[in-house]
């Protein structure tokens, strides 16, 4: 017997994906960044924070994006003054990437307390869903969780290289 549309895992995943994309777009709108711009900015920031100055190809590998598309997005980020692309002394065809001070302020949040509070709220919600014990939260818990996470994309979860990344690495670009 065929599944009804509302019982289809594929349709449910599609709806969840659309909601997630809308939430990301809403969170990034005040920063005037697209999701892919934020991901590339966050990955560049993370690599810079590790003492690396990646070229566009290394950044594309890190972010799991297409190299040509990465180049186009980096031009837009450079135009906004969020990154600088400098010629690599070892290979004049390559550009080394560095997040500007403006880009660092715009990009990944530095408030670790905010991250810790957000993780605690999300863990408590997961325990409640599994039926475990969690502090009583009352009717305002979903609103509070939304307020804690709204507008604060977490670079360590966005970029696979982040130390506190708690998920699988992003998929590599498909090659044919």
N, C-alpha and C. Protein backbone atom coordinates (compact mmCIF):
# COMPACT_ATOMS: atom_id res chain seq x y z
N UNK A 1 0.84 -1.18 0.00
CA UNK A 1 0.00 0.00 0.00
C UNK A 1 0.89 1.25 0.00
N UNK A 2 0.68 2.18 -0.92
CA UNK A 2 1.53 3.37 -0.99
C UNK A 2 1.32 4.27 0.23
N UNK A 3 2.38 4.97 0.59
CA UNK A 3 2.33 5.91 1.70
C UNK A 3 1.53 7.14 1.31
N UNK A 4 0.86 7.72 2.30
CA UNK A 4 0.24 9.02 2.07
C UNK A 4 1.37 10.05 2.08
N UNK A 5 1.22 11.16 1.38
CA UNK A 5 2.30 12.14 1.33
C UNK A 5 2.80 12.55 2.72
N UNK A 6 1.90 12.75 3.66
CA UNK A 6 2.33 13.18 5.01
C UNK A 6 3.06 12.09 5.79
N UNK A 7 3.04 10.83 5.28
CA UNK A 7 3.77 9.74 5.91
C UNK A 7 5.11 9.46 5.23
N UNK A 8 5.42 10.19 4.19
CA UNK A 8 6.64 9.94 3.43
C UNK A 8 7.85 10.57 4.11
N UNK A 9 8.87 9.77 4.45
CA UNK A 9 10.08 10.35 5.04
C UNK A 9 10.72 11.39 4.13
N UNK A 10 10.66 11.16 2.83
CA UNK A 10 11.24 12.11 1.88
C UNK A 10 10.55 13.46 1.94
N UNK A 11 9.22 13.45 2.00
CA UNK A 11 8.48 14.71 2.07
C UNK A 11 8.72 15.41 3.41
N UNK A 12 8.77 14.64 4.49
CA UNK A 12 9.05 15.23 5.79
C UNK A 12 10.44 15.86 5.82
N UNK A 13 11.42 15.18 5.24
CA UNK A 13 12.77 15.73 5.16
C UNK A 13 12.79 16.99 4.30
N UNK A 14 12.06 16.97 3.20
CA UNK A 14 11.97 18.14 2.33
C UNK A 14 11.41 19.33 3.11
N UNK A 15 10.33 19.12 3.85
CA UNK A 15 9.73 20.21 4.63
C UNK A 15 10.70 20.71 5.70
N UNK A 16 11.39 19.80 6.37
CA UNK A 16 12.36 20.21 7.39
C UNK A 16 13.49 21.02 6.75
N UNK A 17 13.94 20.59 5.58
CA UNK A 17 15.01 21.31 4.87
C UNK A 17 14.55 22.72 4.51
N UNK A 18 13.35 22.85 4.01
CA UNK A 18 12.83 24.17 3.65
C UNK A 18 12.73 25.08 4.87
N UNK A 19 12.25 24.53 5.99
CA UNK A 19 12.17 25.33 7.24
C UNK A 19 13.55 25.77 7.68
N UNK A 20 14.51 24.84 7.62
CA UNK A 20 15.88 25.14 8.03
C UNK A 20 16.46 26.23 7.14
N UNK A 21 16.27 26.12 5.82
CA UNK A 21 16.79 27.13 4.90
C UNK A 21 16.17 28.50 5.16
N UNK A 22 14.87 28.53 5.45
CA UNK A 22 14.21 29.81 5.77
C UNK A 22 14.79 30.40 7.05
N UNK A 23 15.00 29.54 8.07
CA UNK A 23 15.55 30.02 9.34
C UNK A 23 16.97 30.57 9.16
N UNK A 24 17.78 29.90 8.37
CA UNK A 24 19.15 30.37 8.11
C UNK A 24 19.10 31.71 7.37
N UNK A 25 18.26 31.81 6.34
CA UNK A 25 18.15 33.05 5.57
C UNK A 25 17.69 34.20 6.47
N UNK A 26 16.75 33.92 7.36
CA UNK A 26 16.27 34.95 8.29
C UNK A 26 17.37 35.38 9.24
N UNK A 27 18.13 34.42 9.75
CA UNK A 27 19.21 34.74 10.69
C UNK A 27 20.31 35.55 10.02
N UNK A 28 20.57 35.29 8.76
CA UNK A 28 21.67 35.96 8.05
C UNK A 28 21.25 37.26 7.37
N UNK A 29 19.95 37.50 7.24
CA UNK A 29 19.47 38.71 6.56
C UNK A 29 20.03 40.00 7.16
N UNK A 30 20.06 40.16 8.50
CA UNK A 30 20.61 41.40 9.04
C UNK A 30 22.10 41.59 8.70
N UNK A 31 22.80 40.50 8.45
CA UNK A 31 24.22 40.58 8.10
C UNK A 31 24.43 40.81 6.60
N UNK A 32 23.33 40.74 5.84
CA UNK A 32 23.37 40.86 4.38
C UNK A 32 24.30 39.82 3.77
N UNK A 33 24.17 38.58 4.28
CA UNK A 33 24.95 37.46 3.77
C UNK A 33 24.02 36.33 3.35
N UNK A 34 24.41 35.62 2.30
CA UNK A 34 23.70 34.40 1.96
C UNK A 34 24.30 33.28 2.81
N UNK A 35 23.64 32.13 2.80
CA UNK A 35 24.14 31.01 3.59
C UNK A 35 25.53 30.58 3.11
N UNK A 36 25.71 30.46 1.80
CA UNK A 36 27.01 30.02 1.29
C UNK A 36 28.08 31.06 1.59
N UNK A 37 27.74 32.35 1.54
CA UNK A 37 28.71 33.39 1.91
C UNK A 37 29.14 33.22 3.36
N UNK A 38 28.15 32.97 4.23
CA UNK A 38 28.48 32.80 5.65
C UNK A 38 29.36 31.56 5.86
N UNK A 39 29.04 30.47 5.20
CA UNK A 39 29.82 29.24 5.36
C UNK A 39 31.26 29.46 4.93
N UNK A 40 31.45 30.11 3.78
CA UNK A 40 32.82 30.35 3.30
C UNK A 40 33.55 31.34 4.19
N UNK A 41 32.86 32.35 4.69
CA UNK A 41 33.47 33.30 5.63
C UNK A 41 33.85 32.59 6.92
N UNK A 42 32.96 31.75 7.43
CA UNK A 42 33.22 31.03 8.68
C UNK A 42 34.38 30.05 8.52
N UNK A 43 34.43 29.33 7.40
CA UNK A 43 35.53 28.39 7.18
C UNK A 43 36.86 29.12 7.02
N UNK A 44 36.84 30.25 6.32
CA UNK A 44 38.06 31.04 6.18
C UNK A 44 38.51 31.54 7.54
N UNK A 45 37.56 32.04 8.32
CA UNK A 45 37.87 32.52 9.68
C UNK A 45 38.50 31.41 10.51
N UNK A 46 37.89 30.21 10.45
CA UNK A 46 38.40 29.10 11.26
C UNK A 46 39.81 28.72 10.82
N UNK A 47 40.02 28.60 9.51
CA UNK A 47 41.35 28.24 9.02
C UNK A 47 42.37 29.32 9.41
N UNK A 48 41.99 30.60 9.30
CA UNK A 48 42.88 31.68 9.73
C UNK A 48 43.19 31.57 11.21
N UNK A 49 42.20 31.22 12.02
CA UNK A 49 42.41 31.11 13.46
C UNK A 49 43.36 29.96 13.81
N UNK A 50 43.53 29.01 12.88
CA UNK A 50 44.46 27.90 13.07
C UNK A 50 45.83 28.21 12.47
N UNK A 51 46.03 29.47 12.06
CA UNK A 51 47.31 29.87 11.49
C UNK A 51 47.46 29.59 10.01
N UNK A 52 46.39 29.20 9.35
CA UNK A 52 46.44 28.89 7.92
C UNK A 52 45.87 30.06 7.12
N UNK A 53 46.41 30.24 5.93
CA UNK A 53 45.87 31.21 4.97
C UNK A 53 45.59 30.43 3.70
N UNK A 54 44.40 29.83 3.63
CA UNK A 54 44.10 28.90 2.55
C UNK A 54 43.96 29.62 1.21
N UNK A 55 44.17 28.86 0.14
CA UNK A 55 43.80 29.39 -1.17
C UNK A 55 42.36 28.96 -1.43
N UNK A 56 41.83 29.38 -2.56
CA UNK A 56 40.42 29.11 -2.87
C UNK A 56 40.13 27.62 -2.96
N UNK A 57 41.07 26.85 -3.49
CA UNK A 57 40.85 25.41 -3.63
C UNK A 57 40.79 24.74 -2.25
N UNK A 58 41.70 25.11 -1.36
CA UNK A 58 41.70 24.53 -0.02
C UNK A 58 40.42 24.91 0.73
N UNK A 59 39.95 26.14 0.54
CA UNK A 59 38.71 26.55 1.19
C UNK A 59 37.52 25.77 0.63
N UNK A 60 37.49 25.58 -0.67
CA UNK A 60 36.40 24.82 -1.29
C UNK A 60 36.38 23.39 -0.75
N UNK A 61 37.56 22.79 -0.58
CA UNK A 61 37.63 21.43 -0.01
C UNK A 61 37.10 21.43 1.42
N UNK A 62 37.51 22.41 2.20
CA UNK A 62 37.09 22.49 3.61
C UNK A 62 35.57 22.64 3.72
N UNK A 63 35.01 23.51 2.87
CA UNK A 63 33.58 23.79 2.95
C UNK A 63 32.72 22.80 2.18
N UNK A 64 33.34 21.99 1.31
CA UNK A 64 32.58 21.04 0.51
C UNK A 64 31.83 21.72 -0.63
N UNK A 65 32.41 22.80 -1.18
CA UNK A 65 31.76 23.55 -2.25
C UNK A 65 32.54 23.42 -3.55
N UNK A 66 31.89 23.77 -4.64
CA UNK A 66 32.51 23.77 -5.96
C UNK A 66 33.55 24.90 -6.03
N UNK A 67 34.70 24.63 -6.64
CA UNK A 67 35.80 25.61 -6.68
C UNK A 67 35.40 26.87 -7.44
N UNK A 68 34.74 26.73 -8.59
CA UNK A 68 34.35 27.91 -9.38
C UNK A 68 33.33 28.75 -8.63
N UNK A 69 32.34 28.10 -8.02
CA UNK A 69 31.34 28.83 -7.25
C UNK A 69 32.00 29.52 -6.06
N UNK A 70 32.96 28.84 -5.43
CA UNK A 70 33.68 29.42 -4.29
C UNK A 70 34.38 30.70 -4.72
N UNK A 71 35.00 30.69 -5.88
CA UNK A 71 35.70 31.87 -6.39
C UNK A 71 34.73 33.04 -6.57
N UNK A 72 33.56 32.77 -7.13
CA UNK A 72 32.56 33.83 -7.33
C UNK A 72 32.07 34.39 -6.00
N UNK A 73 31.82 33.53 -5.04
CA UNK A 73 31.33 33.98 -3.74
C UNK A 73 32.42 34.77 -3.02
N UNK A 74 33.67 34.33 -3.14
CA UNK A 74 34.77 35.05 -2.50
C UNK A 74 34.93 36.45 -3.08
N UNK A 75 34.69 36.61 -4.38
CA UNK A 75 34.72 37.95 -4.97
C UNK A 75 33.69 38.85 -4.32
N UNK A 76 32.48 38.30 -4.08
CA UNK A 76 31.43 39.09 -3.43
C UNK A 76 31.83 39.44 -1.99
N UNK A 77 32.41 38.49 -1.26
CA UNK A 77 32.86 38.76 0.11
C UNK A 77 33.98 39.79 0.13
N UNK A 78 34.85 39.73 -0.87
CA UNK A 78 35.93 40.71 -0.97
C UNK A 78 35.35 42.10 -1.26
N UNK A 79 34.37 42.16 -2.14
CA UNK A 79 33.71 43.42 -2.48
C UNK A 79 33.04 44.04 -1.25
N UNK A 80 32.51 43.19 -0.36
CA UNK A 80 31.87 43.67 0.88
C UNK A 80 32.90 44.03 1.94
N UNK A 81 34.17 43.76 1.69
CA UNK A 81 35.23 44.08 2.65
C UNK A 81 35.35 43.08 3.78
N UNK A 82 34.85 41.85 3.59
CA UNK A 82 34.87 40.85 4.65
C UNK A 82 36.09 39.94 4.58
N UNK A 83 36.66 39.80 3.39
CA UNK A 83 37.89 39.02 3.23
C UNK A 83 38.84 39.78 2.32
N UNK A 84 40.10 39.39 2.38
CA UNK A 84 41.10 39.89 1.44
C UNK A 84 41.69 38.70 0.72
N UNK A 85 41.89 38.87 -0.59
CA UNK A 85 42.52 37.83 -1.39
C UNK A 85 43.86 38.39 -1.83
N UNK A 86 44.93 37.73 -1.38
CA UNK A 86 46.28 38.19 -1.70
C UNK A 86 46.97 37.15 -2.56
N UNK A 87 47.76 37.60 -3.51
CA UNK A 87 48.49 36.68 -4.38
C UNK A 87 49.46 35.86 -3.56
N UNK A 88 49.45 34.57 -3.80
CA UNK A 88 50.35 33.64 -3.11
C UNK A 88 51.76 33.80 -3.69
N UNK A 89 52.75 34.12 -2.85
CA UNK A 89 54.10 34.29 -3.37
C UNK A 89 54.66 33.02 -4.02
N UNK A 90 54.22 31.86 -3.58
CA UNK A 90 54.73 30.59 -4.13
C UNK A 90 54.07 30.24 -5.46
N UNK A 91 52.83 30.75 -5.70
CA UNK A 91 52.11 30.45 -6.93
C UNK A 91 51.27 31.68 -7.27
N UNK A 92 51.73 32.48 -8.21
CA UNK A 92 51.07 33.76 -8.51
C UNK A 92 49.66 33.59 -9.07
N UNK A 93 49.29 32.37 -9.48
CA UNK A 93 47.92 32.13 -9.95
C UNK A 93 46.96 31.98 -8.78
N UNK A 94 47.46 31.58 -7.62
CA UNK A 94 46.61 31.30 -6.46
C UNK A 94 46.45 32.55 -5.60
N UNK A 95 45.32 32.64 -4.92
CA UNK A 95 45.04 33.73 -4.00
C UNK A 95 44.92 33.18 -2.59
N UNK A 96 45.66 33.74 -1.65
CA UNK A 96 45.56 33.37 -0.24
C UNK A 96 44.46 34.21 0.38
N UNK A 97 43.71 33.62 1.29
CA UNK A 97 42.53 34.27 1.86
C UNK A 97 42.76 34.65 3.32
N UNK A 98 42.28 35.83 3.67
CA UNK A 98 42.37 36.30 5.05
C UNK A 98 41.10 37.06 5.36
N UNK A 99 40.49 36.76 6.50
CA UNK A 99 39.29 37.48 6.94
C UNK A 99 39.74 38.83 7.48
N UNK A 100 39.04 39.89 7.06
CA UNK A 100 39.34 41.23 7.55
C UNK A 100 38.77 41.40 8.96
N UNK A 101 39.12 42.49 9.61
CA UNK A 101 38.54 42.78 10.93
C UNK A 101 37.02 42.89 10.84
N UNK A 102 36.54 43.53 9.78
CA UNK A 102 35.09 43.64 9.57
C UNK A 102 34.47 42.26 9.40
N UNK A 103 35.13 41.40 8.63
CA UNK A 103 34.63 40.04 8.41
C UNK A 103 34.60 39.24 9.70
N UNK A 104 35.62 39.44 10.54
CA UNK A 104 35.66 38.72 11.82
C UNK A 104 34.53 39.17 12.74
N UNK A 105 34.18 40.45 12.69
CA UNK A 105 33.07 40.95 13.51
C UNK A 105 31.73 40.48 12.97
N UNK A 106 31.63 40.36 11.65
CA UNK A 106 30.39 39.94 11.00
C UNK A 106 30.16 38.45 11.13
N UNK A 107 31.24 37.68 11.06
CA UNK A 107 31.14 36.23 10.96
C UNK A 107 30.87 35.52 12.26
N UNK A 108 31.63 34.49 12.55
CA UNK A 108 31.36 33.59 13.67
C UNK A 108 31.29 34.31 15.00
N UNK A 109 30.29 33.98 15.81
CA UNK A 109 30.18 34.61 17.12
C UNK A 109 31.33 34.20 18.02
N UNK A 110 31.81 35.13 18.82
CA UNK A 110 32.93 34.83 19.70
C UNK A 110 32.48 34.61 21.14
N UNK A 111 31.21 34.79 21.39
CA UNK A 111 30.69 34.67 22.75
C UNK A 111 30.48 33.20 23.10
N UNK A 112 31.48 32.60 23.73
CA UNK A 112 31.38 31.17 24.07
C UNK A 112 30.27 30.93 25.10
N UNK A 113 29.97 31.91 25.94
CA UNK A 113 28.87 31.76 26.90
C UNK A 113 27.55 31.58 26.18
N UNK A 114 27.35 32.33 25.10
CA UNK A 114 26.12 32.20 24.32
C UNK A 114 26.05 30.81 23.72
N UNK A 115 27.16 30.30 23.19
CA UNK A 115 27.17 28.94 22.63
C UNK A 115 26.85 27.90 23.69
N UNK A 116 27.44 28.05 24.87
CA UNK A 116 27.21 27.08 25.95
C UNK A 116 25.74 27.10 26.37
N UNK A 117 25.15 28.28 26.49
CA UNK A 117 23.72 28.36 26.85
C UNK A 117 22.86 27.71 25.78
N UNK A 118 23.18 27.96 24.53
CA UNK A 118 22.39 27.39 23.44
C UNK A 118 22.51 25.87 23.45
N UNK A 119 23.73 25.33 23.63
CA UNK A 119 23.91 23.88 23.67
C UNK A 119 23.14 23.27 24.83
N UNK A 120 23.14 23.92 26.00
CA UNK A 120 22.42 23.40 27.17
C UNK A 120 20.92 23.34 26.90
N UNK A 121 20.38 24.37 26.27
CA UNK A 121 18.95 24.37 25.95
C UNK A 121 18.63 23.25 24.97
N UNK A 122 19.46 23.10 23.94
CA UNK A 122 19.20 22.05 22.94
C UNK A 122 19.34 20.66 23.54
N UNK A 123 20.32 20.46 24.44
CA UNK A 123 20.47 19.15 25.09
C UNK A 123 19.26 18.84 25.96
N UNK A 124 18.77 19.84 26.68
CA UNK A 124 17.59 19.62 27.53
C UNK A 124 16.39 19.23 26.68
N UNK A 125 16.23 19.89 25.52
CA UNK A 125 15.12 19.54 24.62
C UNK A 125 15.26 18.12 24.11
N UNK A 126 16.47 17.71 23.79
CA UNK A 126 16.69 16.34 23.30
C UNK A 126 16.37 15.33 24.39
N UNK A 127 16.75 15.63 25.65
CA UNK A 127 16.44 14.70 26.76
C UNK A 127 14.93 14.59 26.94
N UNK A 128 14.22 15.70 26.83
CA UNK A 128 12.75 15.65 26.97
C UNK A 128 12.14 14.80 25.88
N UNK A 129 12.63 14.95 24.63
CA UNK A 129 12.08 14.17 23.53
C UNK A 129 12.34 12.68 23.72
N UNK A 130 13.50 12.32 24.35
CA UNK A 130 13.81 10.91 24.58
C UNK A 130 13.11 10.39 25.84
N UNK A 131 12.44 11.25 26.58
CA UNK A 131 11.74 10.81 27.77
C UNK A 131 12.60 10.83 29.01
N UNK A 132 13.80 11.37 28.91
CA UNK A 132 14.69 11.45 30.07
C UNK A 132 14.34 12.62 30.95
N UNK A 133 15.10 12.77 32.02
CA UNK A 133 14.81 13.88 32.91
C UNK A 133 15.47 15.14 32.39
N UNK A 134 14.77 16.21 32.53
CA UNK A 134 15.28 17.53 32.17
C UNK A 134 14.60 18.53 33.07
N UNK A 135 15.22 19.66 33.31
CA UNK A 135 14.58 20.66 34.15
C UNK A 135 13.25 21.07 33.56
N UNK A 136 12.28 21.31 34.43
CA UNK A 136 10.97 21.76 33.97
C UNK A 136 11.16 23.10 33.28
N UNK A 137 10.60 23.21 32.08
CA UNK A 137 10.84 24.42 31.31
C UNK A 137 9.59 25.25 31.12
N UNK A 138 8.41 24.68 31.24
CA UNK A 138 7.20 25.46 31.08
C UNK A 138 6.93 25.82 29.63
N UNK A 139 5.85 26.56 29.42
CA UNK A 139 5.42 26.84 28.06
C UNK A 139 6.34 27.78 27.29
N UNK A 140 7.22 28.52 27.96
CA UNK A 140 8.05 29.49 27.24
C UNK A 140 9.36 28.88 26.72
N UNK A 141 9.61 27.60 26.95
CA UNK A 141 10.88 27.01 26.53
C UNK A 141 11.13 27.12 25.04
N UNK A 142 10.17 26.78 24.14
CA UNK A 142 10.46 26.92 22.72
C UNK A 142 10.81 28.35 22.34
N UNK A 143 10.10 29.33 22.92
CA UNK A 143 10.38 30.72 22.61
C UNK A 143 11.79 31.09 23.08
N UNK A 144 12.17 30.62 24.26
CA UNK A 144 13.49 30.91 24.79
C UNK A 144 14.56 30.29 23.90
N UNK A 145 14.35 29.05 23.46
CA UNK A 145 15.33 28.39 22.60
C UNK A 145 15.47 29.17 21.30
N UNK A 146 14.35 29.61 20.73
CA UNK A 146 14.40 30.37 19.50
C UNK A 146 15.17 31.67 19.70
N UNK A 147 14.95 32.33 20.83
CA UNK A 147 15.62 33.60 21.10
C UNK A 147 17.12 33.38 21.25
N UNK A 148 17.54 32.30 21.88
CA UNK A 148 18.96 32.04 22.08
C UNK A 148 19.68 31.73 20.78
N UNK A 149 18.98 31.12 19.83
CA UNK A 149 19.66 30.70 18.62
C UNK A 149 19.43 31.63 17.45
N UNK A 150 18.44 32.50 17.53
CA UNK A 150 18.14 33.37 16.40
C UNK A 150 19.31 34.29 16.09
N UNK A 151 19.73 34.30 14.85
CA UNK A 151 20.75 35.21 14.39
C UNK A 151 22.16 34.89 14.85
N UNK A 152 22.39 33.67 15.35
CA UNK A 152 23.73 33.36 15.82
C UNK A 152 24.22 32.05 15.22
N UNK A 153 24.38 32.01 13.88
CA UNK A 153 24.92 30.79 13.29
C UNK A 153 26.27 30.46 13.92
N UNK A 154 26.49 29.23 14.21
CA UNK A 154 27.69 28.79 14.92
C UNK A 154 28.71 28.28 13.93
N UNK A 155 29.83 28.99 13.79
CA UNK A 155 30.84 28.64 12.79
C UNK A 155 31.44 27.27 13.06
N UNK A 156 31.58 26.88 14.31
CA UNK A 156 32.20 25.59 14.57
C UNK A 156 31.31 24.45 14.10
N UNK A 157 30.01 24.69 13.97
CA UNK A 157 29.12 23.67 13.42
C UNK A 157 28.99 23.84 11.91
N UNK A 158 29.22 25.05 11.41
CA UNK A 158 29.10 25.31 10.00
C UNK A 158 30.30 24.78 9.25
N UNK A 159 31.45 24.86 9.84
CA UNK A 159 32.70 24.50 9.18
C UNK A 159 33.24 23.22 9.80
N UNK A 160 33.49 22.22 9.00
CA UNK A 160 33.85 20.91 9.51
C UNK A 160 35.13 20.91 10.33
N UNK A 161 35.96 21.91 10.17
CA UNK A 161 37.22 21.92 10.89
C UNK A 161 37.12 22.43 12.31
N UNK A 162 35.95 22.97 12.71
CA UNK A 162 35.80 23.54 14.05
C UNK A 162 36.02 22.51 15.12
N UNK A 163 36.70 22.88 16.19
CA UNK A 163 37.04 21.92 17.24
C UNK A 163 35.80 21.34 17.91
N UNK A 164 34.75 22.14 18.06
CA UNK A 164 33.58 21.62 18.77
C UNK A 164 32.52 21.07 17.82
N UNK A 165 32.87 20.83 16.58
CA UNK A 165 31.92 20.27 15.63
C UNK A 165 31.49 18.90 16.10
N UNK A 166 30.19 18.69 16.18
CA UNK A 166 29.69 17.44 16.74
C UNK A 166 28.85 16.68 15.74
N UNK A 167 29.30 16.61 14.53
CA UNK A 167 28.54 15.89 13.52
C UNK A 167 29.46 15.37 12.44
N UNK A 168 28.89 14.73 11.44
CA UNK A 168 29.72 14.20 10.37
C UNK A 168 30.28 15.34 9.53
N UNK A 169 31.40 15.12 8.85
CA UNK A 169 31.94 16.17 8.00
C UNK A 169 31.01 16.44 6.83
N UNK A 170 31.08 17.65 6.25
CA UNK A 170 30.20 17.93 5.11
C UNK A 170 30.58 17.06 3.92
N UNK A 171 29.63 16.82 3.03
CA UNK A 171 29.94 15.98 1.87
C UNK A 171 30.94 16.69 0.97
N UNK A 172 31.77 15.90 0.32
CA UNK A 172 32.72 16.45 -0.65
C UNK A 172 31.96 16.75 -1.94
N UNK A 173 32.43 17.72 -2.73
CA UNK A 173 31.76 17.99 -4.00
C UNK A 173 31.83 16.74 -4.89
N UNK A 174 30.77 16.53 -5.65
CA UNK A 174 30.73 15.39 -6.56
C UNK A 174 31.64 15.67 -7.75
N UNK A 175 32.38 14.69 -8.16
CA UNK A 175 33.21 14.82 -9.36
C UNK A 175 32.78 13.75 -10.34
N UNK A 176 32.69 14.15 -11.57
CA UNK A 176 32.25 13.19 -12.60
C UNK A 176 33.34 12.94 -13.59
